[in-house]
Amino acid sequence: MGRYVAVDLGAESGRVQLGTLAGGRVELEEVHRFVNGPLKLDDGLHWDVRAIHREVLHGIAAAARRADGPIDGIAVDAWGCDYGLLDRDGKLLGDPFHYRDHRTDGVMERLLEEIGADEVYAATGIQFMPFNTLFQLVAERGGARLEAASALATIPDLLGYWLSGRLACERTAASTTQLLDVRTGEWARELAVRAGIDAAILPPLVDAGTVLARLLPEIARDAGLEPVPDVIAVGGHDTASAVVSVPARDSDFAFLSSGTWSLLGMELDAPVTSAEARSFNLTNEGGVAGTIRLLRNVMGLWLVQECRRQWAREGADHDYDALQRMAQAAPLGGPLVDPDAPELLHPGDMPARIAQLCERAGQPAPRDAGATIRCALESLACKYRLVLERIERVAGRRAAVVHVVGGGVRNATLCQLAADVLDRPVHAGPVEATALGNVMTQALALGHVDSLEQIRAVVAASFSPAVYEPSADRAAYEQLYARFLTVTRLEPAADDREFPVHDAMHGSCRGTRNAKHSHRPKEPTPDG
């Protein structure tokens, strides 16, 4: 038996889970949850990372009280790109900036005029987004904070440092910075220097599954932990941890980590940094066990979250279940937008921004809340198809099934739309995939499991996904997708190559990129 504490930090909330591995199965128990969100200060949006740390300590103490035996390990995962800066004494230099802060506006474009985009992509293989760590650091050039910095710590590594006393950067988290060399797995120091960043602030790198140190004695004492557990570096980037727990039995799958962001991709053995991959703005992020996650960020359920916040400010406080029911009641085929339009990135009046984008494209604005959410969800499903077709094209493989993990699993409407627009089965679950991947990577580090394949077998034995089959009405969803391409002016990844499709039920390769699966339909579970 193994017992592990998984600290899983998201953009809306933080969770501390107690994981137990026994008899080839894993169980999770949430022991602490807290609200997380941006901290508005005079100089912009930040994260109150000290408050997060206090909540983490509360969660560790709660796990110690709930555990029926000693705890073996503790690990932290979080979102990517954001970071804290430490002085020479290891003290934090101010609250970390939030990735949605406006200080990076225009920075990416200016830097890529100094250093060619081809050169940056060839070195890092990372999707160009204005809030990547590279561009955040460039935005701080000449500022007092960066001038005084002795070390950089990504958010999961900063929390791990405060728990263990050892500062190191786990490679999946490092890969989101656009400062890691995708070919060597080491820091791209020459790129940092050319961008005007002191490469000396980049900390030592470690792989997921590295034991950092024992939990600091004072924390162990206050939490009542005896014996003192190890602090372990897992897939520090939350998507890396989520993909670990995809309950796939074969390699012919795509993953969709669905939450505030949607991260859609495929797991590969090596990066793809071709000109075509760069033209599609695909990213090669590090995965656990030496894998590469070829993926693309899509805006995700941020659209729904921000609509909900705006309506609450106006006095209509709909919960997520109510919004989903409204969207289900709205008819198919309303207005569509590009979920990744720059106008939708920052906090604000999201319903009004969606309406403006619709009208700008010659479409009527959504008439009510249900139609607005329906617009967001149909637009996301269409963007998923565009992205997945591009990934399949550059990878030379077709995904026979899409595994959806994360909080978006609860959105049955989006899961079904994804199956319908992608025209392939969608397997939804587990919801707490990130915490599961965190727990199981700790088990791997401590020798309680011996491979990524065994981890996925344990997860598959422990959780049954809901399965969504694509609609038989192909014409309606082909028309929806064609209209999405027209109103957004996005180009499809047209390709007439044939990719073998592995049938997991029969163990053979058959068909082409349009081959149908023979999975038997299953009813969705109550939580979607």
Protein backbone atom coordinates (compact mmCIF):
# COMPACT_ATOMS: atom_id res chain seq x y z
CA MET A 1 0.00 0.00 0.00
CA GLY A 2 1.10 3.55 -0.75
CA ARG A 3 -0.36 6.83 0.48
CA TYR A 4 0.37 10.13 -1.22
CA VAL A 5 -0.69 13.78 -0.94
CA ALA A 6 -1.35 15.45 -4.29
CA VAL A 7 -1.49 19.24 -4.34
CA ASP A 8 -3.25 20.25 -7.57
CA LEU A 9 -3.38 23.99 -8.23
CA GLY A 10 -5.70 25.42 -10.86
CA ALA A 11 -6.59 28.90 -12.03
CA GLU A 12 -9.94 28.86 -10.20
CA SER A 13 -9.26 26.60 -7.25
CA GLY A 14 -6.67 24.53 -5.46
CA ARG A 15 -7.23 20.99 -4.26
CA VAL A 16 -5.35 18.74 -1.90
CA GLN A 17 -6.09 15.06 -2.44
CA LEU A 18 -5.14 11.98 -0.47
CA GLY A 19 -4.34 9.12 -2.83
CA THR A 20 -4.20 5.47 -1.80
CA LEU A 21 -2.75 2.71 -3.98
CA ALA A 22 -3.61 -0.84 -3.00
CA GLY A 23 -4.45 -4.08 -4.78
CA GLY A 24 -3.85 -2.68 -8.25
CA ARG A 25 -6.35 0.13 -7.75
CA VAL A 26 -6.04 3.78 -6.79
CA GLU A 27 -8.49 5.88 -4.81
CA LEU A 28 -8.64 9.63 -4.25
CA GLU A 29 -10.15 11.56 -1.38
CA GLU A 30 -10.37 15.33 -1.48
CA VAL A 31 -9.29 16.63 1.92
CA HIS A 32 -9.04 20.34 1.24
CA ARG A 33 -10.25 22.76 -1.46
CA PHE A 34 -9.81 26.51 -1.67
CA VAL A 35 -10.62 29.33 -4.05
CA ASN A 36 -7.82 30.66 -6.23
CA GLY A 37 -7.82 33.68 -8.49
CA PRO A 38 -5.99 36.82 -9.56
CA LEU A 39 -4.80 39.42 -7.08
CA LYS A 40 -5.26 42.96 -8.42
CA LEU A 41 -2.43 45.26 -7.36
CA ASP A 42 -1.37 48.69 -8.57
CA ASP A 43 1.04 47.23 -11.12
CA GLY A 44 -1.29 44.57 -12.52
CA LEU A 45 -2.63 41.06 -11.95
CA HIS A 46 -0.72 38.73 -9.64
CA TRP A 47 -1.08 35.44 -7.78
CA ASP A 48 -1.24 35.51 -3.97
CA VAL A 49 1.21 32.63 -3.80
CA ARG A 50 1.84 32.98 -0.06
CA ALA A 51 -1.88 32.50 0.57
CA ILE A 52 -1.77 29.46 -1.72
CA HIS A 53 1.12 28.08 0.35
CA ARG A 54 -0.85 28.53 3.57
CA GLU A 55 -3.76 26.62 2.05
CA VAL A 56 -1.39 23.87 0.93
CA LEU A 57 -0.15 23.50 4.50
CA HIS A 58 -3.76 23.27 5.73
CA GLY A 59 -4.36 20.55 3.16
CA ILE A 60 -1.28 18.55 4.15
CA ALA A 61 -2.39 18.66 7.80
CA ALA A 62 -5.90 17.56 6.79
CA ALA A 63 -4.44 14.65 4.79
CA ALA A 64 -2.35 13.60 7.80
CA ARG A 65 -5.48 13.48 9.93
CA ARG A 66 -7.43 11.47 7.35
CA ALA A 67 -4.74 8.96 6.37
CA ASP A 68 -5.02 5.50 7.84
CA GLY A 69 -1.29 5.06 8.12
CA PRO A 70 1.94 6.85 7.17
CA ILE A 71 2.08 9.11 4.12
CA ASP A 72 4.83 8.23 1.65
CA GLY A 73 5.02 11.29 -0.58
CA ILE A 74 3.83 14.82 -1.28
CA ALA A 75 3.92 16.57 -4.67
CA VAL A 76 2.64 19.75 -6.33
CA ASP A 77 1.37 20.37 -9.85
CA ALA A 78 0.06 23.67 -11.22
CA TRP A 79 -0.51 25.69 -14.37
CA GLY A 80 2.41 26.54 -16.64
CA CYS A 81 4.26 29.69 -17.70
CA ASP A 82 3.97 31.76 -14.49
CA TYR A 83 6.87 32.01 -12.06
CA GLY A 84 8.29 33.61 -8.94
CA LEU A 85 11.67 35.30 -8.71
CA LEU A 86 13.92 34.67 -5.70
CA ASP A 87 16.75 36.80 -4.34
CA ARG A 88 20.16 35.45 -3.34
CA ASP A 89 18.76 34.45 0.07
CA GLY A 90 15.95 32.45 -1.51
CA LYS A 91 13.30 35.06 -0.60
CA LEU A 92 10.42 35.78 -2.97
CA LEU A 93 10.68 39.09 -4.82
CA GLY A 94 7.02 40.11 -4.86
CA ASP A 95 3.90 38.23 -5.87
CA PRO A 96 4.21 36.35 -9.20
CA PHE A 97 2.47 37.98 -12.13
CA HIS A 98 -0.69 36.38 -13.53
CA TYR A 99 -0.45 35.19 -17.14
CA ARG A 100 -3.50 37.28 -18.09
CA ASP A 101 -1.78 40.51 -17.02
CA HIS A 102 -1.53 43.13 -19.78
CA ARG A 103 2.19 43.82 -19.34
CA THR A 104 3.06 41.32 -22.07
CA ASP A 105 0.85 42.96 -24.72
CA GLY A 106 2.97 43.34 -27.85
CA VAL A 107 6.11 41.89 -26.23
CA MET A 108 6.04 38.63 -28.20
CA GLU A 109 5.82 40.45 -31.52
CA ARG A 110 8.69 42.78 -30.65
CA LEU A 111 10.98 39.98 -29.48
CA LEU A 112 10.29 37.89 -32.56
CA GLU A 113 11.45 40.84 -34.64
CA GLU A 114 14.75 40.70 -32.74
CA ILE A 115 15.02 36.89 -32.82
CA GLY A 116 13.35 35.07 -35.71
CA ALA A 117 10.35 32.93 -34.88
CA ASP A 118 11.87 30.06 -36.86
CA GLU A 119 14.93 30.10 -34.64
CA VAL A 120 12.94 30.20 -31.40
CA TYR A 121 10.64 27.40 -32.51
CA ALA A 122 13.47 25.18 -33.77
CA ALA A 123 15.14 25.44 -30.37
CA THR A 124 12.09 25.08 -28.11
CA GLY A 125 9.27 23.57 -30.19
CA ILE A 126 6.79 25.60 -28.15
CA GLN A 127 3.59 27.27 -29.29
CA PHE A 128 3.82 31.06 -29.45
CA MET A 129 1.56 32.57 -26.80
CA PRO A 130 2.00 36.09 -25.41
CA PHE A 131 2.19 34.88 -21.80
CA ASN A 132 4.93 32.27 -22.22
CA THR A 133 7.60 32.73 -19.57
CA LEU A 134 10.08 33.91 -22.19
CA PHE A 135 7.89 36.89 -23.06
CA GLN A 136 6.95 37.57 -19.44
CA LEU A 137 10.65 37.83 -18.55
CA VAL A 138 11.31 40.10 -21.52
CA ALA A 139 8.49 42.33 -20.25
CA GLU A 140 10.43 42.63 -16.97
CA ARG A 141 13.77 43.57 -18.55
CA GLY A 142 15.25 46.55 -16.80
CA GLY A 143 12.89 46.25 -13.85
CA ALA A 144 14.07 46.13 -10.23
CA ARG A 145 12.58 42.68 -9.60
CA LEU A 146 14.42 40.95 -12.43
CA GLU A 147 17.62 42.87 -11.70
CA ALA A 148 17.59 41.58 -8.10
CA ALA A 149 16.68 37.99 -9.02
CA SER A 150 19.04 35.13 -8.34
CA ALA A 151 16.70 32.30 -9.37
CA LEU A 152 13.45 31.65 -11.21
CA ALA A 153 10.90 29.15 -9.90
CA THR A 154 7.82 28.02 -11.80
CA ILE A 155 4.70 27.91 -9.62
CA PRO A 156 4.85 24.14 -8.82
CA ASP A 157 8.60 24.33 -8.22
CA LEU A 158 8.20 27.34 -5.92
CA LEU A 159 5.69 25.46 -3.76
CA GLY A 160 7.93 22.38 -3.83
CA TYR A 161 10.86 24.54 -2.72
CA TRP A 162 8.88 25.88 0.21
CA LEU A 163 7.98 22.32 1.21
CA SER A 164 11.39 20.68 0.76
CA GLY A 165 14.03 23.41 0.91
CA ARG A 166 15.39 22.26 -2.49
CA LEU A 167 14.95 24.44 -5.57
CA ALA A 168 14.85 22.58 -8.87
CA CYS A 169 12.80 22.93 -12.04
CA GLU A 170 10.94 19.83 -13.16
CA ARG A 171 11.23 19.37 -16.93
CA THR A 172 7.53 19.30 -17.88
CA ALA A 173 7.08 22.63 -16.10
CA ALA A 174 10.29 23.94 -17.66
CA SER A 175 9.01 23.02 -21.12
CA THR A 176 6.15 25.55 -20.82
CA THR A 177 8.61 28.44 -20.40
CA GLN A 178 9.79 28.46 -24.04
CA LEU A 179 13.29 28.43 -22.58
CA LEU A 180 13.92 24.67 -22.66
CA ASP A 181 15.77 23.12 -25.60
CA VAL A 182 13.37 20.51 -26.94
CA ARG A 183 16.23 18.56 -28.51
CA THR A 184 18.45 18.21 -25.44
CA GLY A 185 16.05 18.64 -22.53
CA GLU A 186 18.39 21.29 -21.09
CA TRP A 187 17.95 25.05 -20.76
CA ALA A 188 18.27 26.99 -24.02
CA ARG A 189 20.77 29.36 -22.43
CA GLU A 190 21.86 30.98 -25.68
CA LEU A 191 18.23 31.89 -26.43
CA ALA A 192 17.85 33.39 -22.95
CA VAL A 193 20.95 35.52 -23.42
CA ARG A 194 19.82 36.72 -26.85
CA ALA A 195 16.49 37.70 -25.28
CA GLY A 196 18.31 39.78 -22.69
CA ILE A 197 17.70 37.38 -19.80
CA ASP A 198 20.44 36.35 -17.39
CA ALA A 199 20.61 32.57 -17.87
CA ALA A 200 22.08 32.23 -14.38
CA ILE A 201 18.57 32.55 -12.91
CA LEU A 202 17.52 29.25 -14.53
CA PRO A 203 17.64 26.58 -11.79
CA PRO A 204 18.87 22.96 -12.01
CA LEU A 205 16.55 20.63 -13.94
CA VAL A 206 15.10 17.34 -12.71
CA ASP A 207 12.85 14.72 -14.28
CA ALA A 208 9.33 13.93 -13.14
CA GLY A 209 9.63 11.16 -10.58
CA THR A 210 12.61 12.66 -8.75
CA VAL A 211 12.60 12.65 -4.95
CA LEU A 212 13.60 16.20 -4.00
CA ALA A 213 14.06 15.85 -0.23
CA ARG A 214 12.19 15.06 2.95
CA LEU A 215 9.38 17.42 3.94
CA LEU A 216 10.84 20.23 6.03
CA PRO A 217 10.86 19.22 9.72
CA GLU A 218 8.80 22.18 10.95
CA ILE A 219 6.05 21.49 8.38
CA ALA A 220 6.03 17.77 9.22
CA ARG A 221 5.85 18.59 12.93
CA ASP A 222 2.98 21.07 12.54
CA ALA A 223 1.05 18.61 10.32
CA GLY A 224 1.63 15.69 12.68
CA LEU A 225 3.44 13.63 10.05
CA GLU A 226 5.66 10.86 11.38
CA PRO A 227 7.54 9.34 9.66
CA VAL A 228 8.37 12.37 7.52
CA PRO A 229 7.34 11.85 3.87
CA ASP A 230 9.34 12.65 0.75
CA VAL A 231 8.62 15.70 -1.40
CA ILE A 232 8.59 14.49 -5.00
CA ALA A 233 8.81 16.28 -8.34
CA VAL A 234 5.96 14.94 -10.50
CA GLY A 235 4.67 16.32 -13.81
CA GLY A 236 4.77 19.85 -12.45
CA HIS A 237 2.76 21.17 -15.37
CA ASP A 238 -0.77 20.06 -14.54
CA THR A 239 -1.47 18.83 -18.07
CA ALA A 240 1.58 16.57 -17.93
CA SER A 241 0.19 14.99 -14.77
CA ALA A 242 -3.29 14.73 -16.31
CA VAL A 243 -2.02 12.88 -19.38
CA VAL A 244 -0.26 10.33 -17.14
CA SER A 245 -3.67 9.13 -15.94
CA VAL A 246 -5.39 8.86 -19.33
CA PRO A 247 -6.86 5.34 -19.08
CA ALA A 248 -5.69 4.32 -22.55
CA ARG A 249 -4.74 0.73 -23.31
CA ASP A 250 -3.16 1.56 -26.68
CA SER A 251 -1.15 4.41 -28.15
CA ASP A 252 -3.64 5.51 -30.83
CA PHE A 253 -5.40 8.13 -28.73
CA ALA A 254 -5.63 11.87 -28.47
CA PHE A 255 -6.01 13.57 -25.10
CA LEU A 256 -8.04 16.62 -24.21
CA SER A 257 -7.31 18.11 -20.82
CA SER A 258 -10.46 20.16 -20.40
CA GLY A 259 -10.78 22.92 -17.84
CA THR A 260 -10.13 26.66 -17.83
CA TRP A 261 -7.87 25.83 -20.77
CA SER A 262 -8.33 23.05 -23.27
CA LEU A 263 -5.10 21.29 -24.16
CA LEU A 264 -5.60 18.93 -27.07
CA GLY A 265 -2.85 16.70 -28.35
CA MET A 266 -1.17 13.35 -28.86
CA GLU A 267 1.60 11.62 -26.94
CA LEU A 268 4.75 11.00 -29.00
CA ASP A 269 8.21 9.60 -28.49
CA ALA A 270 10.00 12.56 -30.08
CA PRO A 271 9.28 16.24 -30.81
CA VAL A 272 8.04 17.52 -34.16
CA THR A 273 9.52 20.93 -34.99
CA SER A 274 8.90 21.00 -38.72
CA ALA A 275 7.94 24.15 -40.58
CA GLU A 276 4.42 22.78 -40.85
CA ALA A 277 4.20 22.22 -37.07
CA ARG A 278 5.32 25.81 -36.53
CA SER A 279 2.85 27.12 -39.10
CA PHE A 280 0.09 25.39 -37.11
CA ASN A 281 1.57 26.84 -33.88
CA LEU A 282 1.75 23.42 -32.23
CA THR A 283 3.68 22.90 -29.03
CA ASN A 284 6.07 20.12 -27.97
CA GLU A 285 5.78 20.02 -24.21
CA GLY A 286 7.58 17.56 -22.01
CA GLY A 287 5.73 14.56 -20.66
CA VAL A 288 6.37 12.08 -17.88
CA ALA A 289 8.66 9.13 -18.66
CA GLY A 290 10.45 10.95 -21.47
CA THR A 291 7.39 11.43 -23.67
CA ILE A 292 6.48 14.49 -25.73
CA ARG A 293 3.02 16.01 -25.70
CA LEU A 294 2.41 17.45 -29.19
CA LEU A 295 -0.54 19.72 -28.51
CA ARG A 296 -2.21 23.05 -28.90
CA ASN A 297 -3.74 25.29 -26.24
CA VAL A 298 -7.34 26.30 -26.91
CA MET A 299 -9.07 28.89 -24.73
CA GLY A 300 -11.32 26.31 -23.03
CA LEU A 301 -14.05 26.71 -20.42
CA TRP A 302 -12.61 30.10 -19.48
CA LEU A 303 -15.27 31.41 -21.86
CA VAL A 304 -18.04 29.86 -19.76
CA GLN A 305 -16.41 30.81 -16.46
CA GLU A 306 -16.03 34.45 -17.44
CA CYS A 307 -19.61 34.63 -18.81
CA ARG A 308 -20.84 33.26 -15.50
CA ARG A 309 -18.85 35.86 -13.55
CA GLN A 310 -20.27 38.68 -15.68
CA TRP A 311 -23.85 37.52 -15.28
CA ALA A 312 -23.29 37.20 -11.52
CA ARG A 313 -22.09 40.82 -11.45
CA GLU A 314 -25.35 41.73 -13.18
CA GLY A 315 -27.40 39.86 -10.59
CA ALA A 316 -28.04 36.53 -12.40
CA ASP A 317 -25.95 33.97 -10.51
CA HIS A 318 -26.29 30.80 -12.64
CA ASP A 319 -24.41 27.71 -11.53
CA TYR A 320 -22.57 25.59 -14.10
CA ASP A 321 -25.30 22.93 -14.21
CA ALA A 322 -27.91 25.58 -15.01
CA LEU A 323 -25.74 27.03 -17.77
CA GLN A 324 -25.27 23.59 -19.26
CA ARG A 325 -29.04 22.99 -19.27
CA MET A 326 -29.56 26.34 -20.99
CA ALA A 327 -26.99 25.45 -23.63
CA GLN A 328 -28.60 22.05 -24.24
CA ALA A 329 -31.97 23.74 -24.77
CA ALA A 330 -30.53 26.16 -27.36
CA PRO A 331 -30.73 24.94 -30.98
CA LEU A 332 -27.75 23.60 -32.92
CA GLY A 333 -26.26 25.89 -35.49
CA GLY A 334 -26.19 29.31 -33.86
CA PRO A 335 -23.39 31.86 -34.24
CA LEU A 336 -19.75 30.78 -33.92
CA VAL A 337 -16.49 32.47 -32.91
CA ASP A 338 -12.82 31.56 -32.74
CA PRO A 339 -12.33 30.68 -29.04
CA ASP A 340 -8.73 31.87 -29.31
CA ALA A 341 -9.55 35.38 -30.53
CA PRO A 342 -7.30 37.83 -28.64
CA GLU A 343 -10.39 39.73 -27.47
CA LEU A 344 -11.36 36.73 -25.32
CA LEU A 345 -8.08 36.32 -23.42
CA HIS A 346 -8.43 38.87 -20.63
CA PRO A 347 -11.01 39.14 -17.84
CA GLY A 348 -14.06 41.28 -18.55
CA ASP A 349 -17.53 41.27 -20.07
CA MET A 350 -17.27 37.98 -21.96
CA PRO A 351 -20.91 37.83 -23.22
CA ALA A 352 -20.52 41.28 -24.79
CA ARG A 353 -17.19 40.33 -26.38
CA ILE A 354 -18.66 37.14 -27.85
CA ALA A 355 -21.60 39.14 -29.21
CA GLN A 356 -19.26 41.68 -30.79
CA LEU A 357 -17.19 38.97 -32.49
CA CYS A 358 -20.37 37.37 -33.87
CA GLU A 359 -21.65 40.65 -35.28
CA ARG A 360 -18.25 41.53 -36.72
CA ALA A 361 -18.38 38.24 -38.69
CA GLY A 362 -21.86 39.09 -40.03
CA GLN A 363 -23.75 36.83 -37.63
CA PRO A 364 -26.55 37.72 -35.21
CA ALA A 365 -25.41 37.99 -31.60
CA PRO A 366 -26.57 35.21 -29.25
CA ARG A 367 -30.02 36.19 -27.99
CA ASP A 368 -29.70 34.96 -24.39
CA ALA A 369 -27.46 33.19 -21.88
CA GLY A 370 -28.22 29.73 -23.25
CA ALA A 371 -27.39 30.75 -26.81
CA THR A 372 -24.17 32.43 -25.62
CA ILE A 373 -22.97 29.29 -23.86
CA ARG A 374 -24.06 27.17 -26.84
CA CYS A 375 -22.00 29.45 -29.08
CA ALA A 376 -18.95 28.97 -26.83
CA LEU A 377 -19.29 25.18 -26.68
CA GLU A 378 -19.95 24.65 -30.40
CA SER A 379 -17.03 26.96 -31.20
CA LEU A 380 -14.76 24.96 -28.88
CA ALA A 381 -15.79 21.65 -30.49
CA CYS A 382 -15.09 23.04 -33.95
CA LYS A 383 -11.69 24.39 -32.87
CA TYR A 384 -10.89 20.96 -31.42
CA ARG A 385 -11.41 19.42 -34.85
CA LEU A 386 -9.21 21.97 -36.59
CA VAL A 387 -6.42 21.47 -34.05
CA LEU A 388 -6.63 17.68 -33.99
CA GLU A 389 -6.55 17.42 -37.78
CA ARG A 390 -3.43 19.58 -37.83
CA ILE A 391 -1.75 17.48 -35.12
CA GLU A 392 -2.59 14.26 -36.95
CA ARG A 393 -1.19 15.68 -40.16
CA VAL A 394 2.23 16.59 -38.74
CA ALA A 395 2.41 13.45 -36.56
CA GLY A 396 1.44 11.14 -39.42
CA ARG A 397 -0.99 9.29 -37.16
CA ARG A 398 -4.72 9.25 -36.58
CA ALA A 399 -6.29 9.15 -33.13
CA ALA A 400 -8.98 6.50 -32.97
CA VAL A 401 -10.44 7.85 -29.74
CA VAL A 402 -10.24 11.08 -27.76
CA HIS A 403 -9.78 10.82 -23.99
CA VAL A 404 -11.17 13.84 -22.15
CA VAL A 405 -9.89 14.37 -18.62
CA GLY A 406 -10.27 17.15 -16.07
CA GLY A 407 -13.16 19.26 -14.89
CA GLY A 408 -14.60 19.58 -18.39
CA VAL A 409 -15.60 15.91 -18.14
CA ARG A 410 -18.63 17.17 -16.18
CA ASN A 411 -19.82 19.18 -19.19
CA ALA A 412 -21.76 16.48 -21.02
CA THR A 413 -22.87 18.95 -23.70
CA LEU A 414 -19.29 19.77 -24.68
CA CYS A 415 -18.24 16.10 -24.59
CA GLN A 416 -21.08 15.12 -26.93
CA LEU A 417 -20.41 18.05 -29.25
CA ALA A 418 -16.74 17.01 -29.39
CA ALA A 419 -17.71 13.47 -30.39
CA ASP A 420 -20.16 14.79 -33.00
CA VAL A 421 -17.81 17.32 -34.61
CA LEU A 422 -14.69 15.13 -34.38
CA ASP A 423 -16.64 12.09 -35.62
CA ARG A 424 -15.00 9.66 -33.24
CA PRO A 425 -15.70 8.30 -29.76
CA VAL A 426 -14.97 10.52 -26.79
CA HIS A 427 -14.11 8.77 -23.51
CA ALA A 428 -14.70 11.18 -20.65
CA GLY A 429 -12.98 10.69 -17.32
CA PRO A 430 -11.53 10.67 -14.82
CA VAL A 431 -12.44 14.14 -13.59
CA GLU A 432 -9.51 14.40 -11.19
CA ALA A 433 -7.00 13.17 -13.74
CA THR A 434 -4.34 15.68 -12.74
CA ALA A 435 -4.35 14.64 -9.09
CA LEU A 436 -4.35 10.99 -10.17
CA GLY A 437 -1.33 11.53 -12.40
CA ASN A 438 0.37 13.36 -9.55
CA VAL A 439 -0.30 10.45 -7.17
CA MET A 440 0.74 7.75 -9.63
CA THR A 441 3.98 9.54 -10.56
CA GLN A 442 4.81 9.62 -6.85
CA ALA A 443 4.15 5.88 -6.80
CA LEU A 444 6.52 5.50 -9.76
CA ALA A 445 9.21 7.54 -8.00
CA LEU A 446 8.97 5.35 -4.90
CA GLY A 447 8.95 2.06 -6.81
CA HIS A 448 5.32 1.19 -6.07
CA VAL A 449 4.64 0.91 -9.82
CA ASP A 450 7.25 0.38 -12.49
CA SER A 451 6.08 2.05 -15.72
CA LEU A 452 3.72 4.49 -17.41
CA GLU A 453 1.88 1.49 -18.87
CA GLN A 454 1.29 0.07 -15.41
CA ILE A 455 0.04 3.45 -14.19
CA ARG A 456 -2.57 3.56 -16.95
CA ALA A 457 -3.62 -0.01 -16.26
CA VAL A 458 -4.19 0.88 -12.60
CA VAL A 459 -6.24 3.96 -13.56
CA ALA A 460 -8.29 1.97 -16.08
CA ALA A 461 -9.03 -0.64 -13.41
CA SER A 462 -10.09 2.08 -10.97
CA PHE A 463 -12.34 4.35 -13.07
CA SER A 464 -14.90 3.78 -15.83
CA PRO A 465 -15.17 6.64 -18.33
CA ALA A 466 -18.41 7.84 -19.86
CA VAL A 467 -18.39 7.11 -23.60
CA TYR A 468 -19.92 9.51 -26.12
CA GLU A 469 -20.45 8.18 -29.64
CA PRO A 470 -20.65 10.53 -32.63
CA SER A 471 -24.05 11.39 -34.06
CA ALA A 472 -25.33 9.57 -37.12
CA ASP A 473 -26.35 12.94 -38.57
CA ARG A 474 -22.99 13.69 -40.12
CA ALA A 475 -24.33 16.33 -42.50
CA ALA A 476 -25.41 18.68 -39.71
CA TYR A 477 -22.00 18.64 -38.03
CA GLU A 478 -20.07 18.89 -41.29
CA GLN A 479 -22.14 22.00 -42.08
CA LEU A 480 -21.44 23.37 -38.61
CA TYR A 481 -17.70 22.90 -39.05
CA ALA A 482 -17.69 24.35 -42.55
CA ARG A 483 -19.50 27.44 -41.29
CA PHE A 484 -17.00 27.76 -38.41
CA LEU A 485 -14.13 27.82 -40.91
CA THR A 486 -15.95 30.44 -42.98
CA VAL A 487 -16.80 32.88 -40.16
CA THR A 488 -13.41 32.55 -38.45
CA ARG A 489 -11.42 32.51 -41.71
CA LEU A 490 -9.33 29.63 -40.38
CA GLU A 491 -7.74 27.16 -42.78
CA PRO A 492 -8.36 23.41 -42.37
CA ALA A 493 -5.49 20.93 -42.47
CA ALA A 494 -6.65 19.29 -45.68
CA ASP A 495 -4.82 16.04 -46.29
CA ASP A 496 -5.65 12.99 -48.37
CA ARG A 497 -3.13 10.66 -46.72
CA GLU A 498 -4.42 7.50 -45.11
CA PHE A 499 -3.46 6.70 -41.52
CA PRO A 500 -3.84 3.22 -40.01
CA VAL A 501 -6.40 3.04 -37.24
CA HIS A 502 -5.70 0.55 -34.47
CA ASP A 503 -8.83 -1.19 -33.25
CA ALA A 504 -8.35 -1.67 -29.51
CA MET A 505 -11.06 -4.32 -29.38
CA HIS A 506 -9.61 -6.55 -32.07
CA GLY A 507 -5.91 -5.72 -31.99
CA SER A 508 -5.56 -5.03 -35.70
CA CYS A 509 -4.91 -2.10 -37.99
CA ARG A 510 -7.69 -1.32 -40.37
CA GLY A 511 -9.38 1.47 -42.29
CA THR A 512 -8.41 5.03 -43.12
CA ARG A 513 -8.72 8.42 -41.52
CA ASN A 514 -12.53 8.17 -41.87
CA ALA A 515 -12.83 4.66 -40.47
CA LYS A 516 -15.58 4.12 -37.90
CA HIS A 517 -15.06 2.51 -34.53
CA SER A 518 -17.07 -0.43 -33.31
CA HIS A 519 -17.12 0.53 -29.63
CA ARG A 520 -20.50 -0.21 -28.12
CA PRO A 521 -22.35 2.92 -26.94
CA LYS A 522 -22.56 3.46 -23.21
CA GLU A 523 -24.77 5.79 -21.21
CA PRO A 524 -22.98 8.80 -19.74
CA THR A 525 -22.54 8.73 -15.99
CA PRO A 526 -24.53 11.29 -13.96
CA ASP A 527 -21.54 13.63 -13.63
CA GLY A 528 -21.03 13.71 -17.40
